[in-house]
Amino acid sequence: SIVPNDNPNIEMAQRHHMVQETMVYDVYLGGDPNLVSQSGFGDDEQAYVRMQMIMAEHTQDPLVSQYVGTAMMEILKAAGLDQQALQAAAASSQG
């Protein structure tokens, strides 16, 4: 959970951490069978690493980049980490 803090940068970091935890443990490794397993990589954390390596190899593909980027932007926006929120946090931290 997010602990209220007067520093918006700390709150943004907490939100980002929550998104990462959710993506790894609820999306990729959660469920029965989990997404990593359904994608043919196996059932353990090493399988998750293999999947990430394959994804990294294809980041230069414009279509893969577009799909992954668009999906992540929607996830970050839902978590309150969209560009507007980041700019607001930066402005308030500058005083």
Protein backbone atom coordinates (compact mmCIF):
# COMPACT_ATOMS: atom_id res chain seq x y z
CA SER A 1 0.00 0.00 0.00
CA ILE A 2 1.00 3.61 -0.46
CA VAL A 3 2.05 5.42 2.70
CA PRO A 4 0.95 9.07 2.60
CA ASN A 5 3.91 11.40 2.31
CA ASP A 6 4.33 15.14 1.87
CA ASN A 7 6.98 14.51 -0.78
CA PRO A 8 5.23 13.68 -4.08
CA ASN A 9 8.39 12.02 -5.40
CA ILE A 10 8.28 9.46 -2.60
CA GLU A 11 4.63 8.75 -3.33
CA MET A 12 5.42 8.34 -7.04
CA ALA A 13 8.25 5.93 -6.18
CA GLN A 14 5.86 3.92 -4.00
CA ARG A 15 3.34 3.75 -6.85
CA HIS A 16 6.03 2.67 -9.29
CA HIS A 17 7.18 -0.06 -6.89
CA MET A 18 3.60 -1.29 -6.53
CA VAL A 19 3.22 -1.47 -10.32
CA GLN A 20 6.43 -3.49 -10.61
CA GLU A 21 5.41 -5.89 -7.84
CA THR A 22 1.96 -6.35 -9.34
CA MET A 23 3.33 -6.96 -12.83
CA VAL A 24 5.84 -9.58 -11.68
CA TYR A 25 3.94 -11.44 -8.97
CA ASP A 26 0.30 -11.05 -10.03
CA VAL A 27 0.52 -10.82 -13.82
CA TYR A 28 3.60 -12.77 -14.90
CA LEU A 29 3.96 -15.27 -12.04
CA GLY A 30 0.41 -15.21 -10.61
CA GLY A 31 -2.51 -17.36 -11.65
CA ASP A 32 -2.76 -21.03 -12.39
CA PRO A 33 -1.27 -21.48 -14.86
CA ASN A 34 0.66 -18.23 -14.83
CA LEU A 35 1.37 -16.10 -17.90
CA VAL A 36 5.04 -17.11 -18.03
CA SER A 37 4.05 -20.78 -18.08
CA GLN A 38 1.24 -20.21 -20.59
CA SER A 39 3.81 -18.54 -22.84
CA GLY A 40 5.97 -21.68 -22.75
CA PHE A 41 8.83 -20.45 -20.55
CA GLY A 42 8.26 -22.65 -17.48
CA ASP A 43 6.92 -22.16 -13.95
CA ASP A 44 9.68 -20.58 -11.85
CA GLU A 45 11.44 -17.25 -11.47
CA GLN A 46 14.14 -18.41 -13.91
CA ALA A 47 11.36 -18.80 -16.47
CA TYR A 48 10.37 -15.19 -15.82
CA VAL A 49 13.97 -14.11 -16.43
CA ARG A 50 14.05 -16.09 -19.70
CA MET A 51 10.84 -14.40 -20.81
CA GLN A 52 12.25 -10.96 -19.97
CA MET A 53 15.41 -11.75 -21.95
CA ILE A 54 13.37 -12.70 -25.00
CA MET A 55 11.27 -9.57 -24.65
CA ALA A 56 14.44 -7.47 -24.40
CA GLU A 57 15.79 -9.04 -27.59
CA HIS A 58 12.70 -7.84 -29.45
CA THR A 59 12.52 -4.27 -28.13
CA GLN A 60 13.91 -2.95 -31.41
CA ASP A 61 10.93 -4.38 -33.30
CA PRO A 62 8.65 -1.37 -33.90
CA LEU A 63 5.42 -3.35 -33.49
CA VAL A 64 6.54 -5.04 -30.25
CA SER A 65 7.79 -1.70 -28.96
CA GLN A 66 4.48 -0.03 -29.81
CA TYR A 67 2.35 -2.72 -28.13
CA VAL A 68 4.47 -2.96 -24.99
CA GLY A 69 4.84 0.82 -24.72
CA THR A 70 1.12 1.45 -25.15
CA ALA A 71 0.22 -1.23 -22.60
CA MET A 72 2.70 0.11 -20.04
CA MET A 73 1.45 3.68 -20.50
CA GLU A 74 -2.09 2.52 -19.69
CA ILE A 75 -0.88 0.61 -16.62
CA LEU A 76 1.15 3.57 -15.37
CA LYS A 77 -1.74 5.94 -16.04
CA ALA A 78 -4.08 3.72 -13.98
CA ALA A 79 -1.53 3.84 -11.15
CA GLY A 80 -1.39 7.64 -11.29
CA LEU A 81 2.03 7.64 -12.95
CA ASP A 82 1.12 9.25 -16.24
CA GLN A 83 3.10 12.14 -17.72
CA GLN A 84 0.80 14.75 -16.17
CA ALA A 85 1.23 13.29 -12.68
CA LEU A 86 5.00 13.08 -13.09
CA GLN A 87 5.18 16.72 -14.19
CA ALA A 88 3.02 17.80 -11.24
CA ALA A 89 5.28 15.91 -8.82
CA ALA A 90 8.38 17.47 -10.35
CA ALA A 91 6.90 20.98 -10.16
CA SER A 92 5.86 20.60 -6.52
CA SER A 93 9.26 19.26 -5.50
CA GLN A 94 10.94 22.35 -6.97
CA GLY A 95 8.91 24.52 -4.65
